[in-house]
Amino acid sequence: MQIKYIETDSDKIAVLEGDDYKINGPQEAAELLMNCQYSGTNKVIISAEQLDAAFFDLKTRIAGDILQKFSTYDGFLAIVGDFSKFSSKSLQDFIYESNKFKRINFVSSQEEGIKALLK
């Protein structure tokens, strides 16, 4: 797992880099968040490709379980990707509602993720 840290005047954000680490479920998400918190931040940016494809099938409950870990352990997450390719109405609603509450953000770029996490 490679983590790069971006420091701003007011905060620090962790960015998961590389394709060698996949978040397959809540355990990996919790480990990532704990590593970041140990380094002084609870704000994390990942790419959609770093999530197991099952994350985007809400019937698996993986998305809910991962997002619950971030909520339970006071983490904030930005997931970078092109989410328009998903046709599931329930997934689009999930993304909309998540973005509304600002703890989990689905964004199209790392820059957008940084802005969302600094709000």
PDB file of N, CA and C in Angstrom:
ATOM      1  N   MET A   1       0.850  -1.168   0.000  1.00  0.00           N
ATOM      2  CA  MET A   1       0.000   0.000   0.000  1.00  0.00           C
ATOM      3  C   MET A   1       0.902   1.239   0.000  1.00  0.00           C
ATOM      4  N   GLN A   2       0.721   2.085  -1.002  1.00  0.00           N
ATOM      5  CA  GLN A   2       1.478   3.328  -1.094  1.00  0.00           C
ATOM      6  C   GLN A   2       0.526   4.492  -0.833  1.00  0.00           C
ATOM      7  N   ILE A   3       0.894   5.322   0.129  1.00  0.00           N
ATOM      8  CA  ILE A   3       0.069   6.473   0.474  1.00  0.00           C
ATOM      9  C   ILE A   3       0.911   7.730   0.341  1.00  0.00           C
ATOM     10  N   LYS A   4       0.385   8.686  -0.438  1.00  0.00           N
ATOM     11  CA  LYS A   4       1.015   9.993  -0.574  1.00  0.00           C
ATOM     12  C   LYS A   4       0.182  10.968   0.255  1.00  0.00           C
ATOM     13  N   TYR A   5       0.851  11.917   0.877  1.00  0.00           N
ATOM     14  CA  TYR A   5       0.136  12.902   1.691  1.00  0.00           C
ATOM     15  C   TYR A   5       0.235  14.278   1.051  1.00  0.00           C
ATOM     16  N   ILE A   6      -0.908  14.942   0.978  1.00  0.00           N
ATOM     17  CA  ILE A   6      -0.984  16.301   0.468  1.00  0.00           C
ATOM     18  C   ILE A   6      -1.269  17.194   1.662  1.00  0.00           C
ATOM     19  N   GLU A   7      -0.399  18.153   1.896  1.00  0.00           N
ATOM     20  CA  GLU A   7      -0.601  19.060   3.022  1.00  0.00           C
ATOM     21  C   GLU A   7      -1.022  20.427   2.514  1.00  0.00           C
ATOM     22  N   THR A   8      -2.084  20.945   3.115  1.00  0.00           N
ATOM     23  CA  THR A   8      -2.554  22.287   2.805  1.00  0.00           C
ATOM     24  C   THR A   8      -2.275  23.154   4.028  1.00  0.00           C
ATOM     25  N   ASP A   9      -2.662  24.413   3.960  1.00  0.00           N
ATOM     26  CA  ASP A   9      -2.468  25.299   5.109  1.00  0.00           C
ATOM     27  C   ASP A   9      -3.226  24.812   6.336  1.00  0.00           C
ATOM     28  N   SER A  10      -4.357  24.167   6.104  1.00  0.00           N
ATOM     29  CA  SER A  10      -5.224  23.811   7.222  1.00  0.00           C
ATOM     30  C   SER A  10      -5.411  22.312   7.448  1.00  0.00           C
ATOM     31  N   ASP A  11      -4.912  21.494   6.550  1.00  0.00           N
ATOM     32  CA  ASP A  11      -5.240  20.072   6.674  1.00  0.00           C
ATOM     33  C   ASP A  11      -4.236  19.191   5.933  1.00  0.00           C
ATOM     34  N   LYS A  12      -4.401  17.899   6.122  1.00  0.00           N
ATOM     35  CA  LYS A  12      -3.572  16.884   5.464  1.00  0.00           C
ATOM     36  C   LYS A  12      -4.516  15.844   4.877  1.00  0.00           C
ATOM     37  N   ILE A  13      -4.248  15.449   3.629  1.00  0.00           N
ATOM     38  CA  ILE A  13      -5.097  14.473   2.946  1.00  0.00           C
ATOM     39  C   ILE A  13      -4.226  13.337   2.439  1.00  0.00           C
ATOM     40  N   ALA A  14      -4.678  12.111   2.658  1.00  0.00           N
ATOM     41  CA  ALA A  14      -3.969  10.923   2.181  1.00  0.00           C
ATOM     42  C   ALA A  14      -4.520  10.517   0.824  1.00  0.00           C
ATOM     43  N   VAL A  15      -3.614  10.142  -0.089  1.00  0.00           N
ATOM     44  CA  VAL A  15      -4.003   9.665  -1.413  1.00  0.00           C
ATOM     45  C   VAL A  15      -3.416   8.272  -1.593  1.00  0.00           C
ATOM     46  N   LEU A  16      -4.291   7.286  -1.772  1.00  0.00           N
ATOM     47  CA  LEU A  16      -3.837   5.925  -2.026  1.00  0.00           C
ATOM     48  C   LEU A  16      -3.349   5.848  -3.463  1.00  0.00           C
ATOM     49  N   GLU A  17      -2.109   5.437  -3.640  1.00  0.00           N
ATOM     50  CA  GLU A  17      -1.524   5.392  -4.982  1.00  0.00           C
ATOM     51  C   GLU A  17      -1.255   3.956  -5.399  1.00  0.00           C
ATOM     52  N   GLY A  18      -1.110   3.786  -6.709  1.00  0.00           N
ATOM     53  CA  GLY A  18      -0.744   2.481  -7.257  1.00  0.00           C
ATOM     54  C   GLY A  18      -1.929   1.562  -7.433  1.00  0.00           C
ATOM     55  N   ASP A  19      -1.695   0.550  -8.227  1.00  0.00           N
ATOM     56  CA  ASP A  19      -2.744  -0.439  -8.497  1.00  0.00           C
ATOM     57  C   ASP A  19      -2.519  -1.742  -7.751  1.00  0.00           C
ATOM     58  N   ASP A  20      -1.507  -1.777  -6.892  1.00  0.00           N
ATOM     59  CA  ASP A  20      -1.152  -3.023  -6.225  1.00  0.00           C
ATOM     60  C   ASP A  20      -2.000  -3.306  -4.983  1.00  0.00           C
ATOM     61  N   TYR A  21      -2.838  -2.368  -4.572  1.00  0.00           N
ATOM     62  CA  TYR A  21      -3.650  -2.554  -3.372  1.00  0.00           C
ATOM     63  C   TYR A  21      -5.117  -2.372  -3.728  1.00  0.00           C
ATOM     64  N   LYS A  22      -5.929  -3.375  -3.448  1.00  0.00           N
ATOM     65  CA  LYS A  22      -7.375  -3.333  -3.707  1.00  0.00           C
ATOM     66  C   LYS A  22      -8.108  -3.358  -2.379  1.00  0.00           C
ATOM     67  N   ILE A  23      -9.145  -2.563  -2.309  1.00  0.00           N
ATOM     68  CA  ILE A  23     -10.022  -2.588  -1.150  1.00  0.00           C
ATOM     69  C   ILE A  23     -11.172  -3.520  -1.501  1.00  0.00           C
ATOM     70  N   ASN A  24     -11.148  -4.709  -0.909  1.00  0.00           N
ATOM     71  CA  ASN A  24     -12.140  -5.735  -1.221  1.00  0.00           C
ATOM     72  C   ASN A  24     -13.316  -5.744  -0.261  1.00  0.00           C
ATOM     73  N   GLY A  25     -13.135  -5.104   0.885  1.00  0.00           N
ATOM     74  CA  GLY A  25     -14.192  -5.127   1.883  1.00  0.00           C
ATOM     75  C   GLY A  25     -13.893  -4.189   3.029  1.00  0.00           C
ATOM     76  N   PRO A  26     -14.701  -4.264   4.062  1.00  0.00           N
ATOM     77  CA  PRO A  26     -14.567  -3.326   5.179  1.00  0.00           C
ATOM     78  C   PRO A  26     -13.248  -3.453   5.946  1.00  0.00           C
ATOM     79  N   GLN A  27     -12.668  -4.637   5.997  1.00  0.00           N
ATOM     80  CA  GLN A  27     -11.409  -4.810   6.727  1.00  0.00           C
ATOM     81  C   GLN A  27     -10.286  -4.002   6.082  1.00  0.00           C
ATOM     82  N   GLU A  28     -10.161  -4.071   4.764  1.00  0.00           N
ATOM     83  CA  GLU A  28      -9.123  -3.307   4.068  1.00  0.00           C
ATOM     84  C   GLU A  28      -9.375  -1.809   4.198  1.00  0.00           C
ATOM     85  N   ALA A  29     -10.649  -1.402   4.152  1.00  0.00           N
ATOM     86  CA  ALA A  29     -10.990   0.009   4.303  1.00  0.00           C
ATOM     87  C   ALA A  29     -10.603   0.515   5.690  1.00  0.00           C
ATOM     88  N   ALA A  30     -10.882  -0.290   6.709  1.00  0.00           N
ATOM     89  CA  ALA A  30     -10.527   0.095   8.080  1.00  0.00           C
ATOM     90  C   ALA A  30      -9.006   0.180   8.248  1.00  0.00           C
ATOM     91  N   GLU A  31      -8.277  -0.762   7.656  1.00  0.00           N
ATOM     92  CA  GLU A  31      -6.816  -0.729   7.742  1.00  0.00           C
ATOM     93  C   GLU A  31      -6.255   0.522   7.073  1.00  0.00           C
ATOM     94  N   LEU A  32      -6.798   0.857   5.901  1.00  0.00           N
ATOM     95  CA  LEU A  32      -6.355   2.062   5.206  1.00  0.00           C
ATOM     96  C   LEU A  32      -6.613   3.291   6.068  1.00  0.00           C
ATOM     97  N   LEU A  33      -7.801   3.417   6.597  1.00  0.00           N
ATOM     98  CA  LEU A  33      -8.142   4.569   7.421  1.00  0.00           C
ATOM     99  C   LEU A  33      -7.269   4.637   8.671  1.00  0.00           C
ATOM    100  N   MET A  34      -7.032   3.504   9.320  1.00  0.00           N
ATOM    101  CA  MET A  34      -6.199   3.495  10.533  1.00  0.00           C
ATOM    102  C   MET A  34      -4.760   3.918  10.209  1.00  0.00           C
ATOM    103  N   ASN A  35      -4.226   3.450   9.083  1.00  0.00           N
ATOM    104  CA  ASN A  35      -2.878   3.865   8.670  1.00  0.00           C
ATOM    105  C   ASN A  35      -2.826   5.374   8.452  1.00  0.00           C
ATOM    106  N   CYS A  36      -3.852   5.907   7.830  1.00  0.00           N
ATOM    107  CA  CYS A  36      -3.896   7.348   7.567  1.00  0.00           C
ATOM    108  C   CYS A  36      -4.049   8.139   8.864  1.00  0.00           C
ATOM    109  N   GLN A  37      -4.905   7.660   9.756  1.00  0.00           N
ATOM    110  CA  GLN A  37      -5.089   8.355  11.024  1.00  0.00           C
ATOM    111  C   GLN A  37      -3.797   8.326  11.841  1.00  0.00           C
ATOM    112  N   TYR A  38      -3.080   7.228  11.781  1.00  0.00           N
ATOM    113  CA  TYR A  38      -1.792   7.131  12.474  1.00  0.00           C
ATOM    114  C   TYR A  38      -0.822   8.189  11.943  1.00  0.00           C
ATOM    115  N   SER A  39      -0.954   8.534  10.675  1.00  0.00           N
ATOM    116  CA  SER A  39      -0.090   9.545  10.049  1.00  0.00           C
ATOM    117  C   SER A  39      -0.664  10.957  10.160  1.00  0.00           C
ATOM    118  N   GLY A  40      -1.783  11.100  10.845  1.00  0.00           N
ATOM    119  CA  GLY A  40      -2.283  12.432  11.152  1.00  0.00           C
ATOM    120  C   GLY A  40      -3.425  12.954  10.308  1.00  0.00           C
ATOM    121  N   THR A  41      -4.142  12.075   9.593  1.00  0.00           N
ATOM    122  CA  THR A  41      -5.293  12.551   8.827  1.00  0.00           C
ATOM    123  C   THR A  41      -6.405  11.511   8.822  1.00  0.00           C
ATOM    124  N   ASN A  42      -7.630  11.998   8.724  1.00  0.00           N
ATOM    125  CA  ASN A  42      -8.784  11.107   8.580  1.00  0.00           C
ATOM    126  C   ASN A  42      -9.457  11.329   7.232  1.00  0.00           C
ATOM    127  N   LYS A  43      -8.742  11.988   6.312  1.00  0.00           N
ATOM    128  CA  LYS A  43      -9.267  12.293   4.984  1.00  0.00           C
ATOM    129  C   LYS A  43      -8.474  11.527   3.939  1.00  0.00           C
ATOM    130  N   VAL A  44      -9.193  10.747   3.128  1.00  0.00           N
ATOM    131  CA  VAL A  44      -8.552   9.812   2.206  1.00  0.00           C
ATOM    132  C   VAL A  44      -9.158   9.941   0.810  1.00  0.00           C
ATOM    133  N   ILE A  45      -8.282   9.894  -0.192  1.00  0.00           N
ATOM    134  CA  ILE A  45      -8.718   9.861  -1.590  1.00  0.00           C
ATOM    135  C   ILE A  45      -8.261   8.538  -2.197  1.00  0.00           C
ATOM    136  N   ILE A  46      -9.192   7.849  -2.853  1.00  0.00           N
ATOM    137  CA  ILE A  46      -8.862   6.621  -3.577  1.00  0.00           C
ATOM    138  C   ILE A  46      -9.488   6.711  -4.966  1.00  0.00           C
ATOM    139  N   SER A  47      -9.035   5.862  -5.860  1.00  0.00           N
ATOM    140  CA  SER A  47      -9.662   5.797  -7.179  1.00  0.00           C
ATOM    141  C   SER A  47     -10.678   4.659  -7.186  1.00  0.00           C
ATOM    142  N   ALA A  48     -11.658   4.777  -8.047  1.00  0.00           N
ATOM    143  CA  ALA A  48     -12.677   3.735  -8.166  1.00  0.00           C
ATOM    144  C   ALA A  48     -12.049   2.391  -8.526  1.00  0.00           C
ATOM    145  N   GLU A  49     -10.948   2.425  -9.272  1.00  0.00           N
ATOM    146  CA  GLU A  49     -10.269   1.190  -9.669  1.00  0.00           C
ATOM    147  C   GLU A  49      -9.618   0.470  -8.493  1.00  0.00           C
ATOM    148  N   GLN A  50      -9.422   1.163  -7.394  1.00  0.00           N
ATOM    149  CA  GLN A  50      -8.833   0.537  -6.208  1.00  0.00           C
ATOM    150  C   GLN A  50      -9.880  -0.165  -5.352  1.00  0.00           C
ATOM    151  N   LEU A  51     -11.130  -0.077  -5.770  1.00  0.00           N
ATOM    152  CA  LEU A  51     -12.215  -0.783  -5.095  1.00  0.00           C
ATOM    153  C   LEU A  51     -12.577  -2.030  -5.891  1.00  0.00           C
ATOM    154  N   ASP A  52     -12.876  -3.102  -5.189  1.00  0.00           N
ATOM    155  CA  ASP A  52     -13.370  -4.300  -5.842  1.00  0.00           C
ATOM    156  C   ASP A  52     -14.642  -3.948  -6.612  1.00  0.00           C
ATOM    157  N   ALA A  53     -14.818  -4.529  -7.770  1.00  0.00           N
ATOM    158  CA  ALA A  53     -15.986  -4.234  -8.610  1.00  0.00           C
ATOM    159  C   ALA A  53     -17.301  -4.485  -7.871  1.00  0.00           C
ATOM    160  N   ALA A  54     -17.306  -5.396  -6.920  1.00  0.00           N
ATOM    161  CA  ALA A  54     -18.515  -5.702  -6.160  1.00  0.00           C
ATOM    162  C   ALA A  54     -18.987  -4.506  -5.330  1.00  0.00           C
ATOM    163  N   PHE A  55     -18.103  -3.568  -5.054  1.00  0.00           N
ATOM    164  CA  PHE A  55     -18.476  -2.350  -4.323  1.00  0.00           C
ATOM    165  C   PHE A  55     -19.638  -1.643  -5.016  1.00  0.00           C
ATOM    166  N   PHE A  56     -19.630  -1.646  -6.345  1.00  0.00           N
ATOM    167  CA  PHE A  56     -20.613  -0.911  -7.126  1.00  0.00           C
ATOM    168  C   PHE A  56     -21.902  -1.690  -7.371  1.00  0.00           C
ATOM    169  N   ASP A  57     -21.989  -2.899  -6.833  1.00  0.00           N
ATOM    170  CA  ASP A  57     -23.222  -3.679  -6.847  1.00  0.00           C
ATOM    171  C   ASP A  57     -23.775  -3.616  -5.428  1.00  0.00           C
ATOM    172  N   LEU A  58     -24.750  -2.744  -5.208  1.00  0.00           N
ATOM    173  CA  LEU A  58     -25.227  -2.490  -3.846  1.00  0.00           C
ATOM    174  C   LEU A  58     -25.803  -3.733  -3.164  1.00  0.00           C
ATOM    175  N   LYS A  59     -26.230  -4.722  -3.949  1.00  0.00           N
ATOM    176  CA  LYS A  59     -26.773  -5.951  -3.363  1.00  0.00           C
ATOM    177  C   LYS A  59     -25.726  -6.697  -2.530  1.00  0.00           C
ATOM    178  N   THR A  60     -24.441  -6.488  -2.829  1.00  0.00           N
ATOM    179  CA  THR A  60     -23.388  -7.173  -2.068  1.00  0.00           C
ATOM    180  C   THR A  60     -23.187  -6.570  -0.684  1.00  0.00           C
ATOM    181  N   ARG A  61     -23.671  -5.356  -0.484  1.00  0.00           N
ATOM    182  CA  ARG A  61     -23.544  -4.607   0.777  1.00  0.00           C
ATOM    183  C   ARG A  61     -22.115  -4.182   1.098  1.00  0.00           C
ATOM    184  N   ILE A  62     -21.183  -4.430   0.193  1.00  0.00           N
ATOM    185  CA  ILE A  62     -19.791  -4.047   0.436  1.00  0.00           C
ATOM    186  C   ILE A  62     -19.671  -2.528   0.555  1.00  0.00           C
ATOM    187  N   ALA A  63     -20.350  -1.793  -0.319  1.00  0.00           N
ATOM    188  CA  ALA A  63     -20.284  -0.329  -0.266  1.00  0.00           C
ATOM    189  C   ALA A  63     -20.766   0.181   1.084  1.00  0.00           C
ATOM    190  N   GLY A  64     -21.898  -0.291   1.516  1.00  0.00           N
ATOM    191  CA  GLY A  64     -22.432   0.139   2.812  1.00  0.00           C
ATOM    192  C   GLY A  64     -21.519  -0.212   3.967  1.00  0.00           C
ATOM    193  N   ASP A  65     -20.932  -1.408   3.922  1.00  0.00           N
ATOM    194  CA  ASP A  65     -20.031  -1.839   4.995  1.00  0.00           C
ATOM    195  C   ASP A  65     -18.761  -0.985   5.037  1.00  0.00           C
ATOM    196  N   ILE A  66     -18.221  -0.677   3.858  1.00  0.00           N
ATOM    197  CA  ILE A  66     -17.014   0.152   3.806  1.00  0.00           C
ATOM    198  C   ILE A  66     -17.329   1.570   4.286  1.00  0.00           C
ATOM    199  N   LEU A  67     -18.418   2.129   3.813  1.00  0.00           N
ATOM    200  CA  LEU A  67     -18.766   3.485   4.215  1.00  0.00           C
ATOM    201  C   LEU A  67     -19.099   3.553   5.697  1.00  0.00           C
ATOM    202  N   GLN A  68     -19.639   2.481   6.245  1.00  0.00           N
ATOM    203  CA  GLN A  68     -19.908   2.429   7.685  1.00  0.00           C
ATOM    204  C   GLN A  68     -18.612   2.482   8.483  1.00  0.00           C
ATOM    205  N   LYS A  69     -17.563   1.831   7.999  1.00  0.00           N
ATOM    206  CA  LYS A  69     -16.256   1.892   8.679  1.00  0.00           C
ATOM    207  C   LYS A  69     -15.750   3.329   8.734  1.00  0.00           C
ATOM    208  N   PHE A  70     -15.879   4.046   7.603  1.00  0.00           N
ATOM    209  CA  PHE A  70     -15.423   5.432   7.589  1.00  0.00           C
ATOM    210  C   PHE A  70     -16.253   6.286   8.546  1.00  0.00           C
ATOM    211  N   SER A  71     -17.525   6.015   8.633  1.00  0.00           N
ATOM    212  CA  SER A  71     -18.380   6.763   9.552  1.00  0.00           C
ATOM    213  C   SER A  71     -18.044   6.432  11.003  1.00  0.00           C
ATOM    214  N   THR A  72     -17.925   5.161  11.305  1.00  0.00           N
ATOM    215  CA  THR A  72     -17.643   4.721  12.670  1.00  0.00           C
ATOM    216  C   THR A  72     -16.321   5.273  13.184  1.00  0.00           C
ATOM    217  N   TYR A  73     -15.306   5.294  12.329  1.00  0.00           N
ATOM    218  CA  TYR A  73     -13.966   5.721  12.749  1.00  0.00           C
ATOM    219  C   TYR A  73     -13.658   7.161  12.335  1.00  0.00           C
ATOM    220  N   ASP A  74     -14.705   7.964  12.115  1.00  0.00           N
ATOM    221  CA  ASP A  74     -14.581   9.391  11.830  1.00  0.00           C
ATOM    222  C   ASP A  74     -13.669   9.684  10.649  1.00  0.00           C
ATOM    223  N   GLY A  75     -13.850   8.924   9.584  1.00  0.00           N
ATOM    224  CA  GLY A  75     -13.074   9.148   8.373  1.00  0.00           C
ATOM    225  C   GLY A  75     -13.901   9.826   7.296  1.00  0.00           C
ATOM    226  N   PHE A  76     -13.196  10.471   6.379  1.00  0.00           N
ATOM    227  CA  PHE A  76     -13.820  11.113   5.230  1.00  0.00           C
ATOM    228  C   PHE A  76     -13.148  10.564   3.986  1.00  0.00           C
ATOM    229  N   LEU A  77     -13.938  10.277   2.964  1.00  0.00           N
ATOM    230  CA  LEU A  77     -13.432   9.585   1.793  1.00  0.00           C
ATOM    231  C   LEU A  77     -13.893  10.267   0.515  1.00  0.00           C
ATOM    232  N   ALA A  78     -12.967  10.382  -0.434  1.00  0.00           N
ATOM    233  CA  ALA A  78     -13.316  10.816  -1.789  1.00  0.00           C
ATOM    234  C   ALA A  78     -12.913   9.688  -2.731  1.00  0.00           C
ATOM    235  N   ILE A  79     -13.845   9.245  -3.531  1.00  0.00           N
ATOM    236  CA  ILE A  79     -13.607   8.188  -4.509  1.00  0.00           C
ATOM    237  C   ILE A  79     -13.613   8.839  -5.885  1.00  0.00           C
ATOM    238  N   VAL A  80     -12.502   8.726  -6.603  1.00  0.00           N
ATOM    239  CA  VAL A  80     -12.338   9.377  -7.896  1.00  0.00           C
ATOM    240  C   VAL A  80     -12.653   8.394  -9.021  1.00  0.00           C
ATOM    241  N   GLY A  81     -13.530   8.803  -9.924  1.00  0.00           N
ATOM    242  CA  GLY A  81     -13.840   7.937 -11.054  1.00  0.00           C
ATOM    243  C   GLY A  81     -14.930   8.522 -11.934  1.00  0.00           C
ATOM    244  N   ASP A  82     -15.265   7.767 -12.962  1.00  0.00           N
ATOM    245  CA  ASP A  82     -16.362   8.124 -13.857  1.00  0.00           C
ATOM    246  C   ASP A  82     -17.557   7.251 -13.480  1.00  0.00           C
ATOM    247  N   PHE A  83     -18.475   7.813 -12.740  1.00  0.00           N
ATOM    248  CA  PHE A  83     -19.601   7.039 -12.227  1.00  0.00           C
ATOM    249  C   PHE A  83     -20.811   7.076 -13.152  1.00  0.00           C
ATOM    250  N   SER A  84     -20.709   7.838 -14.227  1.00  0.00           N
ATOM    251  CA  SER A  84     -21.810   7.895 -15.182  1.00  0.00           C
ATOM    252  C   SER A  84     -21.962   6.578 -15.942  1.00  0.00           C
ATOM    253  N   LYS A  85     -20.925   5.754 -15.928  1.00  0.00           N
ATOM    254  CA  LYS A  85     -20.990   4.479 -16.647  1.00  0.00           C
ATOM    255  C   LYS A  85     -21.878   3.451 -15.948  1.00  0.00           C
ATOM    256  N   PHE A  86     -22.249   3.731 -14.709  1.00  0.00           N
ATOM    257  CA  PHE A  86     -23.114   2.813 -13.977  1.00  0.00           C
ATOM    258  C   PHE A  86     -24.567   3.189 -14.207  1.00  0.00           C
ATOM    259  N   SER A  87     -25.344   2.248 -14.703  1.00  0.00           N
ATOM    260  CA  SER A  87     -26.731   2.548 -15.056  1.00  0.00           C
ATOM    261  C   SER A  87     -27.718   2.287 -13.912  1.00  0.00           C
ATOM    262  N   SER A  88     -27.256   1.684 -12.844  1.00  0.00           N
ATOM    263  CA  SER A  88     -28.142   1.345 -11.735  1.00  0.00           C
ATOM    264  C   SER A  88     -28.699   2.601 -11.068  1.00  0.00           C
ATOM    265  N   LYS A  89     -30.022   2.717 -11.054  1.00  0.00           N
ATOM    266  CA  LYS A  89     -30.673   3.857 -10.407  1.00  0.00           C
ATOM    267  C   LYS A  89     -30.356   3.888  -8.922  1.00  0.00           C
ATOM    268  N   SER A  90     -30.355   2.730  -8.277  1.00  0.00           N
ATOM    269  CA  SER A  90     -30.077   2.700  -6.845  1.00  0.00           C
ATOM    270  C   SER A  90     -28.641   3.142  -6.550  1.00  0.00           C
ATOM    271  N   LEU A  91     -27.694   2.781  -7.412  1.00  0.00           N
ATOM    272  CA  LEU A  91     -26.306   3.232  -7.221  1.00  0.00           C
ATOM    273  C   LEU A  91     -26.199   4.733  -7.446  1.00  0.00           C
ATOM    274  N   GLN A  92     -26.856   5.244  -8.467  1.00  0.00           N
ATOM    275  CA  GLN A  92     -26.832   6.693  -8.714  1.00  0.00           C
ATOM    276  C   GLN A  92     -27.457   7.455  -7.539  1.00  0.00           C
ATOM    277  N   ASP A  93     -28.526   6.924  -6.971  1.00  0.00           N
ATOM    278  CA  ASP A  93     -29.145   7.539  -5.790  1.00  0.00           C
ATOM    279  C   ASP A  93     -28.200   7.484  -4.595  1.00  0.00           C
ATOM    280  N   PHE A  94     -27.517   6.355  -4.442  1.00  0.00           N
ATOM    281  CA  PHE A  94     -26.546   6.175  -3.356  1.00  0.00           C
ATOM    282  C   PHE A  94     -25.430   7.215  -3.474  1.00  0.00           C
ATOM    283  N   ILE A  95     -24.914   7.406  -4.674  1.00  0.00           N
ATOM    284  CA  ILE A  95     -23.852   8.384  -4.924  1.00  0.00           C
ATOM    285  C   ILE A  95     -24.359   9.791  -4.609  1.00  0.00           C
ATOM    286  N   TYR A  96     -25.556  10.110  -5.070  1.00  0.00           N
ATOM    287  CA  TYR A  96     -26.142  11.431  -4.816  1.00  0.00           C
ATOM    288  C   TYR A  96     -26.271  11.697  -3.318  1.00  0.00           C
ATOM    289  N   GLU A  97     -26.837  10.744  -2.599  1.00  0.00           N
ATOM    290  CA  GLU A  97     -27.039  10.914  -1.156  1.00  0.00           C
ATOM    291  C   GLU A  97     -25.704  10.991  -0.413  1.00  0.00           C
ATOM    292  N   SER A  98     -24.740  10.193  -0.816  1.00  0.00           N
ATOM    293  CA  SER A  98     -23.429  10.229  -0.171  1.00  0.00           C
ATOM    294  C   SER A  98     -22.787  11.599  -0.344  1.00  0.00           C
ATOM    295  N   ASN A  99     -22.828  12.126  -1.543  1.00  0.00           N
ATOM    296  CA  ASN A  99     -22.238  13.439  -1.814  1.00  0.00           C
ATOM    297  C   ASN A  99     -22.937  14.547  -1.028  1.00  0.00           C
ATOM    298  N   LYS A 100     -24.215  14.378  -0.794  1.00  0.00           N
ATOM    299  CA  LYS A 100     -24.982  15.388  -0.068  1.00  0.00           C
ATOM    300  C   LYS A 100     -24.511  15.520   1.384  1.00  0.00           C
ATOM    301  N   PHE A 101     -24.115  14.401   1.991  1.00  0.00           N
ATOM    302  CA  PHE A 101     -23.736  14.414   3.405  1.00  0.00           C
ATOM    303  C   PHE A 101     -22.246  14.651   3.641  1.00  0.00           C
ATOM    304  N   LYS A 102     -21.449  14.666   2.603  1.00  0.00           N
ATOM    305  CA  LYS A 102     -20.042  15.086   2.621  1.00  0.00           C
ATOM    306  C   LYS A 102     -19.056  14.151   3.323  1.00  0.00           C
ATOM    307  N   ARG A 103     -19.490  13.057   3.916  1.00  0.00           N
ATOM    308  CA  ARG A 103     -18.525  12.145   4.532  1.00  0.00           C
ATOM    309  C   ARG A 103     -17.869  11.279   3.457  1.00  0.00           C
ATOM    310  N   ILE A 104     -18.676  10.800   2.527  1.00  0.00           N
ATOM    311  CA  ILE A 104     -18.196  10.014   1.397  1.00  0.00           C
ATOM    312  C   ILE A 104     -18.532  10.804   0.139  1.00  0.00           C
ATOM    313  N   ASN A 105     -17.532  11.064  -0.683  1.00  0.00           N
ATOM    314  CA  ASN A 105     -17.711  11.888  -1.872  1.00  0.00           C
ATOM    315  C   ASN A 105     -17.304  11.107  -3.113  1.00  0.00           C
ATOM    316  N   PHE A 106     -18.168  11.086  -4.086  1.00  0.00           N
ATOM    317  CA  PHE A 106     -17.865  10.480  -5.382  1.00  0.00           C
ATOM    318  C   PHE A 106     -17.558  11.644  -6.324  1.00  0.00           C
ATOM    319  N   VAL A 107     -16.315  11.715  -6.800  1.00  0.00           N
ATOM    320  CA  VAL A 107     -15.852  12.869  -7.572  1.00  0.00           C
ATOM    321  C   VAL A 107     -15.186  12.410  -8.865  1.00  0.00           C
ATOM    322  N   SER A 108     -14.981  13.366  -9.774  1.00  0.00           N
ATOM    323  CA  SER A 108     -14.410  13.005 -11.070  1.00  0.00           C
ATOM    324  C   SER A 108     -12.902  13.238 -11.168  1.00  0.00           C
ATOM    325  N   SER A 109     -12.303  13.924 -10.190  1.00  0.00           N
ATOM    326  CA  SER A 109     -10.859  14.177 -10.245  1.00  0.00           C
ATOM    327  C   SER A 109     -10.285  14.286  -8.832  1.00  0.00           C
ATOM    328  N   GLN A 110      -8.983  14.126  -8.744  1.00  0.00           N
ATOM    329  CA  GLN A 110      -8.325  14.264  -7.449  1.00  0.00           C
ATOM    330  C   GLN A 110      -8.507  15.687  -6.912  1.00  0.00           C
ATOM    331  N   GLU A 111      -8.425  16.676  -7.778  1.00  0.00           N
ATOM    332  CA  GLU A 111      -8.595  18.069  -7.362  1.00  0.00           C
ATOM    333  C   GLU A 111      -9.986  18.292  -6.759  1.00  0.00           C
ATOM    334  N   GLU A 112     -10.987  17.704  -7.394  1.00  0.00           N
ATOM    335  CA  GLU A 112     -12.350  17.803  -6.877  1.00  0.00           C
ATOM    336  C   GLU A 112     -12.453  17.091  -5.525  1.00  0.00           C
ATOM    337  N   GLY A 113     -11.743  15.984  -5.380  1.00  0.00           N
ATOM    338  CA  GLY A 113     -11.723  15.261  -4.118  1.00  0.00           C
ATOM    339  C   GLY A 113     -11.100  16.082  -3.005  1.00  0.00           C
ATOM    340  N   ILE A 114     -10.006  16.767  -3.311  1.00  0.00           N
ATOM    341  CA  ILE A 114      -9.358  17.631  -2.311  1.00  0.00           C
ATOM    342  C   ILE A 114     -10.314  18.717  -1.876  1.00  0.00           C
ATOM    343  N   LYS A 115     -10.981  19.358  -2.824  1.00  0.00           N
ATOM    344  CA  LYS A 115     -11.942  20.418  -2.486  1.00  0.00           C
ATOM    345  C   LYS A 115     -13.058  19.883  -1.606  1.00  0.00           C
ATOM    346  N   ALA A 116     -13.577  18.712  -1.950  1.00  0.00           N
ATOM    347  CA  ALA A 116     -14.679  18.129  -1.174  1.00  0.00           C
ATOM    348  C   ALA A 116     -14.242  17.816   0.251  1.00  0.00           C
ATOM    349  N   LEU A 117     -13.019  17.323   0.408  1.00  0.00           N
ATOM    350  CA  LEU A 117     -12.547  16.934   1.741  1.00  0.00           C
ATOM    351  C   LEU A 117     -12.142  18.131   2.590  1.00  0.00           C
ATOM    352  N   LEU A 118     -11.882  19.259   1.984  1.00  0.00           N
ATOM    353  CA  LEU A 118     -11.494  20.454   2.741  1.00  0.00           C
ATOM    354  C   LEU A 118     -12.687  21.284   3.191  1.00  0.00           C
ATOM    355  N   LYS A 119     -13.880  20.935   2.736  1.00  0.00           N
ATOM    356  CA  LYS A 119     -15.085  21.693   3.125  1.00  0.00           C
ATOM    357  C   LYS A 119     -15.492  21.376   4.533  1.00  0.00           C
TER     358      LYS A 119
END
